[in-house]
Amino acid sequence: MKSHEIDYRIFGDDMQVVEIELDPGETVIAEAGAMNWMGEGIGFEARMGDGSRQTSGIFD
């Protein structure tokens, strides 16, 4: 799977926030507790594991 350039902006100095712009069908994988907000039309799904396999679960 190949990726293209990520659209992002960094806000702040001491307490930084990264805003990522997703194209249709794109996915972001982040560590637990890292997401602050999401815009309208964005879905959220929590999964166990490192995100490398979409169908893996806690016992994979």
Protein backbone atom coordinates (compact mmCIF):
# COMPACT_ATOMS: atom_id res chain seq x y z
CA MET A 1 0.00 0.00 0.00
CA LYS A 2 1.39 3.40 -0.95
CA SER A 3 0.59 6.67 0.77
CA HIS A 4 0.59 10.18 -0.57
CA GLU A 5 1.58 13.41 1.16
CA ILE A 6 -0.36 14.04 4.38
CA ASP A 7 -2.26 17.33 4.66
CA TYR A 8 -1.63 18.68 8.18
CA ARG A 9 -1.09 21.89 10.18
CA ILE A 10 0.59 22.33 13.56
CA PHE A 11 -0.91 24.85 15.99
CA GLY A 12 0.61 26.16 19.23
CA ASP A 13 4.01 26.50 20.81
CA ASP A 14 4.11 24.91 24.27
CA MET A 15 0.99 22.73 23.90
CA GLN A 16 0.94 21.74 20.24
CA VAL A 17 -1.98 20.29 18.29
CA VAL A 18 -1.79 18.69 14.84
CA GLU A 19 -4.80 19.11 12.54
CA ILE A 20 -4.98 16.46 9.81
CA GLU A 21 -7.16 16.89 6.73
CA LEU A 22 -8.49 13.57 5.45
CA ASP A 23 -9.48 12.86 1.87
CA PRO A 24 -12.44 10.51 1.29
CA GLY A 25 -11.49 6.97 2.33
CA GLU A 26 -8.35 7.98 4.27
CA THR A 27 -7.65 6.67 7.77
CA VAL A 28 -5.62 7.99 10.70
CA ILE A 29 -4.21 5.74 13.43
CA ALA A 30 -3.32 7.42 16.73
CA GLU A 31 -2.37 6.39 20.23
CA ALA A 32 -5.01 6.18 22.95
CA GLY A 33 -6.21 9.58 24.16
CA ALA A 34 -4.54 11.47 21.30
CA MET A 35 -7.67 12.71 19.49
CA ASN A 36 -9.16 16.00 20.73
CA TRP A 37 -11.96 16.61 18.23
CA MET A 38 -13.24 15.64 14.81
CA GLY A 39 -15.23 17.47 12.19
CA GLU A 40 -18.66 16.70 10.83
CA GLY A 41 -18.80 13.64 8.57
CA ILE A 42 -15.80 11.92 10.20
CA GLY A 43 -16.38 8.49 11.73
CA PHE A 44 -14.62 7.17 14.82
CA GLU A 45 -13.86 3.54 15.60
CA ALA A 46 -11.76 2.23 18.50
CA ARG A 47 -9.83 -1.03 18.02
CA MET A 48 -7.28 -2.98 19.99
CA GLY A 49 -3.81 -3.48 18.54
CA ASP A 50 -1.46 -1.26 16.58
CA GLY A 51 -3.79 -0.67 13.61
CA SER A 52 -1.60 -2.52 11.13
CA ARG A 53 -4.34 -5.06 10.32
CA GLN A 54 -7.94 -3.87 9.98
CA THR A 55 -9.46 -7.24 10.95
CA SER A 56 -7.25 -8.02 13.95
CA GLY A 57 -8.61 -8.09 17.46
CA ILE A 58 -7.28 -8.35 20.98
CA PHE A 59 -6.21 -12.00 20.53
CA ASP A 60 -4.48 -11.59 17.11
